[in-house]
Amino acid sequence: MSDGSTTTAYPVTPRNRVRRLHERGRYDHEAVHAVLDAGMLCHVAYVIDGQPYCTPTIHWREGDRLYWHGSSASRMLRHEKAGAPVCVTVSHLDGLVLARSGFNHSANYRSAMCFGTAFIVDDPEEKARALAAVTDRFWPGRAATLRPVDPQEAKATTVIGMTIEDAAVKARAKGVGDDDTQDAAFPVWAGVIPVETVIGALRPSPVMPPAVPVPDSVRLYGEGRRLDEALVETQALYEKR
């Protein structure tokens, strides 16, 4: 799915400019979307009456627009109904970096920070499409195979959208920071401990009829596979729909 944009990068503004270790920052669509698409959980930050909040939730992306959903009784969703500035972040931990000094200990990571104005998806048809999209984004084609959403379920669920106005990625993907300093001779173990989220074996529902086959969309999450790689693949399939 194309977002129709003729630009290849988000604007750099005082709000999204990477200031510390700026060489780790990127603003191009490809880098930002790659971090977003490799994750299933985001954190939405906002302020209500001067009090900051940060809410974890499932997100999905369509072009340069992010979506998330939640209970209609949520404080966050009531606040965003009229349109509210929010910051959405997605982060991945890729490694633990052990150096010869506490100062140089670090982590390998990928993180995206996106800014925009949240809005409630009120149109019934658009909302129904979005409620199907939150399933199809992660399990392509699954929504059409499920029991339809009933009116009470739809009423209890709010869908929020946000066009990404500006965004930045910051990442570290390298070895020990003091390997090329005089500390390299200090006799203590130093190195990187890689970190991955790996998919486990399927656990079928114990009351499911044994003849029900495993759909292809579930097979994408094969045992032993990295979750971020599977999510990037399902995003690509979702965009082709």
Protein backbone atom coordinates (compact mmCIF):
# COMPACT_ATOMS: atom_id res chain seq x y z
CA MET A 1 0.00 0.00 0.00
CA SER A 2 1.44 3.38 -0.98
CA ASP A 3 0.96 6.42 1.24
CA GLY A 4 0.93 8.68 -1.82
CA SER A 5 3.81 10.74 -0.48
CA THR A 6 6.31 12.28 -2.88
CA THR A 7 8.93 12.72 -0.16
CA THR A 8 11.22 10.05 1.20
CA ALA A 9 11.88 11.50 4.64
CA TYR A 10 10.00 13.11 7.49
CA PRO A 11 10.83 16.77 8.15
CA VAL A 12 13.45 17.44 10.80
CA THR A 13 12.01 19.77 13.41
CA PRO A 14 12.89 20.81 16.98
CA ARG A 15 10.40 18.17 18.10
CA ASN A 16 12.02 15.13 16.44
CA ARG A 17 15.66 16.17 15.94
CA VAL A 18 18.09 13.67 17.50
CA ARG A 19 20.37 15.78 19.67
CA ARG A 20 22.54 13.38 21.65
CA LEU A 21 24.62 11.03 19.47
CA HIS A 22 22.94 12.56 16.44
CA GLU A 23 24.89 10.25 14.13
CA ARG A 24 22.62 7.43 15.27
CA GLY A 25 19.55 9.24 14.02
CA ARG A 26 17.64 8.80 10.75
CA TYR A 27 14.50 10.45 9.44
CA ASP A 28 13.79 8.65 6.18
CA HIS A 29 10.50 6.79 5.73
CA GLU A 30 12.25 3.47 5.13
CA ALA A 31 14.08 3.54 8.46
CA VAL A 32 11.10 4.76 10.48
CA HIS A 33 8.64 2.30 8.95
CA ALA A 34 11.06 -0.61 9.35
CA VAL A 35 11.18 -0.11 13.13
CA LEU A 36 7.40 0.36 13.36
CA ASP A 37 6.64 -2.69 11.23
CA ALA A 38 8.98 -4.97 13.18
CA GLY A 39 6.99 -4.42 16.37
CA MET A 40 3.49 -5.18 17.61
CA LEU A 41 3.52 -3.10 20.79
CA CYS A 42 3.87 0.67 20.97
CA HIS A 43 3.66 3.23 23.77
CA VAL A 44 1.40 6.26 23.31
CA ALA A 45 2.39 9.30 25.37
CA TYR A 46 0.06 12.25 25.99
CA VAL A 47 -0.78 14.86 28.62
CA ILE A 48 -4.12 15.32 30.39
CA ASP A 49 -4.54 18.41 32.57
CA GLY A 50 -0.79 18.74 32.98
CA GLN A 51 -0.29 15.09 33.98
CA PRO A 52 1.78 12.96 31.55
CA TYR A 53 0.65 9.42 30.74
CA CYS A 54 2.14 6.66 28.62
CA THR A 55 -0.07 3.77 27.52
CA PRO A 56 1.13 0.51 25.89
CA THR A 57 -1.08 -0.80 23.09
CA ILE A 58 -1.03 -2.76 19.81
CA HIS A 59 -0.41 -0.61 16.73
CA TRP A 60 -0.48 -1.06 12.98
CA ARG A 61 0.63 1.12 10.07
CA GLU A 62 -0.94 2.05 6.75
CA GLY A 63 1.38 4.29 4.75
CA ASP A 64 2.28 7.24 6.94
CA ARG A 65 -0.68 6.69 9.25
CA LEU A 66 -0.60 4.77 12.54
CA TYR A 67 -3.62 3.16 14.18
CA TRP A 68 -4.29 1.68 17.60
CA HIS A 69 -7.41 0.68 19.47
CA GLY A 70 -8.73 0.22 22.97
CA SER A 71 -11.74 0.20 25.26
CA SER A 72 -14.26 3.00 24.73
CA ALA A 73 -14.06 3.61 28.50
CA SER A 74 -10.32 4.36 28.32
CA ARG A 75 -9.16 7.70 29.73
CA MET A 76 -6.66 7.97 26.88
CA LEU A 77 -9.31 7.49 24.21
CA ARG A 78 -11.73 9.98 25.78
CA HIS A 79 -8.92 12.53 25.83
CA GLU A 80 -8.02 11.96 22.18
CA LYS A 81 -11.59 12.16 20.87
CA ALA A 82 -11.34 15.86 20.08
CA GLY A 83 -7.85 15.51 18.62
CA ALA A 84 -4.78 15.60 20.83
CA PRO A 85 -1.02 15.78 20.27
CA VAL A 86 0.62 12.45 21.02
CA CYS A 87 4.01 10.78 20.74
CA VAL A 88 4.08 7.13 19.69
CA THR A 89 7.24 5.10 20.27
CA VAL A 90 8.32 1.58 19.28
CA SER A 91 11.56 0.07 20.59
CA HIS A 92 13.53 -3.14 20.07
CA LEU A 93 16.32 -4.41 22.33
CA ASP A 94 18.94 -6.22 20.20
CA GLY A 95 21.87 -6.70 22.55
CA LEU A 96 23.48 -6.03 25.92
CA VAL A 97 26.87 -4.33 25.60
CA LEU A 98 29.40 -4.95 28.39
CA ALA A 99 32.48 -2.74 28.46
CA ARG A 100 35.47 -2.35 30.80
CA SER A 101 33.87 0.56 32.66
CA GLY A 102 30.35 1.21 33.83
CA PHE A 103 30.30 4.40 31.77
CA ASN A 104 30.71 2.50 28.49
CA HIS A 105 28.13 -0.21 29.17
CA SER A 106 25.32 0.16 26.65
CA ALA A 107 22.69 -1.64 24.59
CA ASN A 108 22.12 -2.31 20.93
CA TYR A 109 18.64 -1.15 20.01
CA ARG A 110 16.30 0.26 17.38
CA SER A 111 13.72 2.88 18.32
CA ALA A 112 11.24 5.04 16.44
CA MET A 113 9.54 8.12 17.85
CA CYS A 114 6.57 9.49 15.90
CA PHE A 115 4.63 12.70 16.49
CA GLY A 116 1.16 13.71 15.33
CA THR A 117 -2.41 14.50 16.32
CA ALA A 118 -4.56 11.56 17.33
CA PHE A 119 -8.15 11.35 16.10
CA ILE A 120 -11.04 8.96 16.65
CA VAL A 121 -12.21 6.90 13.66
CA ASP A 122 -15.94 7.62 13.83
CA ASP A 123 -17.20 6.67 10.37
CA PRO A 124 -18.91 3.25 10.76
CA GLU A 125 -17.55 1.79 7.52
CA GLU A 126 -14.05 3.05 8.18
CA LYS A 127 -14.18 1.74 11.73
CA ALA A 128 -15.34 -1.69 10.54
CA ARG A 129 -12.48 -1.76 8.06
CA ALA A 130 -10.01 -0.77 10.77
CA LEU A 131 -11.28 -3.47 13.14
CA ALA A 132 -10.62 -6.02 10.40
CA ALA A 133 -7.25 -4.44 9.65
CA VAL A 134 -5.95 -4.93 13.20
CA THR A 135 -6.31 -8.68 12.59
CA ASP A 136 -5.23 -8.82 8.94
CA ARG A 137 -2.13 -6.73 9.61
CA PHE A 138 -0.67 -9.53 11.72
CA TRP A 139 -2.46 -12.55 10.21
CA PRO A 140 -3.16 -11.68 6.55
CA GLY A 141 -6.62 -12.76 5.39
CA ARG A 142 -7.74 -13.99 8.82
CA ALA A 143 -10.50 -11.43 9.45
CA ALA A 144 -12.73 -12.87 6.70
CA THR A 145 -12.59 -16.33 8.34
CA LEU A 146 -13.76 -15.15 11.79
CA ARG A 147 -17.16 -14.71 13.36
CA PRO A 148 -18.32 -11.19 12.45
CA VAL A 149 -17.90 -8.44 15.02
CA ASP A 150 -21.24 -7.85 16.72
CA PRO A 151 -22.60 -4.31 17.34
CA GLN A 152 -21.88 -4.39 21.07
CA GLU A 153 -18.24 -5.36 20.47
CA ALA A 154 -17.86 -2.55 17.95
CA LYS A 155 -19.44 -0.07 20.37
CA ALA A 156 -17.06 -1.12 23.15
CA THR A 157 -14.00 -0.61 20.95
CA THR A 158 -12.53 2.71 19.86
CA VAL A 159 -10.09 3.03 16.95
CA ILE A 160 -7.60 5.90 16.89
CA GLY A 161 -5.57 7.12 13.95
CA MET A 162 -2.61 9.45 13.66
CA THR A 163 -0.85 10.76 10.57
CA ILE A 164 2.88 10.82 11.24
CA GLU A 165 3.82 14.50 11.02
CA ASP A 166 7.46 14.05 11.93
CA ALA A 167 9.47 11.12 13.22
CA ALA A 168 12.96 9.90 13.96
CA VAL A 169 14.76 6.59 14.35
CA LYS A 170 17.68 6.18 16.70
CA ALA A 171 19.66 2.95 16.71
CA ARG A 172 22.87 1.36 17.97
CA ALA A 173 24.18 -1.77 16.26
CA LYS A 174 27.86 -2.20 17.06
CA GLY A 175 30.35 -3.71 19.48
CA VAL A 176 32.00 -2.49 22.67
CA GLY A 177 32.62 1.24 22.77
CA ASP A 178 36.01 1.08 24.48
CA ASP A 179 37.64 -1.56 22.23
CA ASP A 180 39.78 1.15 20.64
CA THR A 181 40.80 2.94 23.84
CA GLN A 182 43.44 2.34 26.48
CA ASP A 183 40.78 0.50 28.51
CA ALA A 184 40.97 -2.39 26.02
CA ALA A 185 43.87 -3.85 28.02
CA PHE A 186 41.89 -3.95 31.27
CA PRO A 187 41.47 -7.66 32.26
CA VAL A 188 37.68 -7.99 32.48
CA TRP A 189 35.26 -9.71 30.10
CA ALA A 190 33.75 -7.36 27.52
CA GLY A 191 31.48 -8.04 24.59
CA VAL A 192 27.90 -8.15 23.34
CA ILE A 193 25.13 -10.47 24.54
CA PRO A 194 22.69 -10.69 21.59
CA VAL A 195 18.98 -10.44 22.44
CA GLU A 196 16.17 -11.77 20.24
CA THR A 197 12.45 -12.43 20.67
CA VAL A 198 11.96 -15.94 19.28
CA ILE A 199 8.61 -17.57 18.49
CA GLY A 200 7.79 -20.76 20.37
CA ALA A 201 5.77 -23.84 19.44
CA LEU A 202 2.05 -23.44 18.72
CA ARG A 203 -0.35 -24.22 21.59
CA PRO A 204 -3.71 -25.10 19.99
CA SER A 205 -6.92 -24.47 21.90
CA PRO A 206 -7.73 -27.68 23.82
CA VAL A 207 -11.41 -27.48 22.79
CA MET A 208 -10.76 -26.90 19.08
CA PRO A 209 -11.85 -29.79 16.81
CA PRO A 210 -8.75 -31.76 15.76
CA ALA A 211 -9.65 -31.48 12.06
CA VAL A 212 -9.25 -27.69 12.01
CA PRO A 213 -6.10 -26.95 9.95
CA VAL A 214 -3.39 -24.44 10.83
CA PRO A 215 -3.89 -21.50 8.42
CA ASP A 216 -1.02 -20.13 6.35
CA SER A 217 -1.16 -16.82 8.24
CA VAL A 218 -0.34 -18.68 11.46
CA ARG A 219 2.41 -20.72 9.81
CA LEU A 220 4.23 -17.45 9.16
CA TYR A 221 5.01 -17.49 12.89
CA GLY A 222 7.08 -20.66 12.75
CA GLU A 223 8.74 -22.06 15.84
CA GLY A 224 12.25 -20.69 16.28
CA ARG A 225 11.69 -17.73 13.99
CA ARG A 226 12.45 -14.17 15.09
CA LEU A 227 9.25 -12.26 15.84
CA ASP A 228 10.43 -9.01 14.24
CA GLU A 229 11.21 -10.81 10.98
CA ALA A 230 7.76 -12.44 10.93
CA LEU A 231 6.06 -9.09 11.58
CA VAL A 232 7.95 -7.41 8.74
CA GLU A 233 6.78 -10.21 6.41
CA THR A 234 3.14 -9.91 7.47
CA GLN A 235 3.31 -6.13 6.96
CA ALA A 236 4.55 -6.66 3.41
CA LEU A 237 1.70 -9.09 2.71
CA TYR A 238 -0.81 -6.67 4.26
CA GLU A 239 0.40 -3.87 2.00
CA LYS A 240 -0.16 -6.05 -1.07
CA ARG A 241 -3.79 -6.74 -0.25
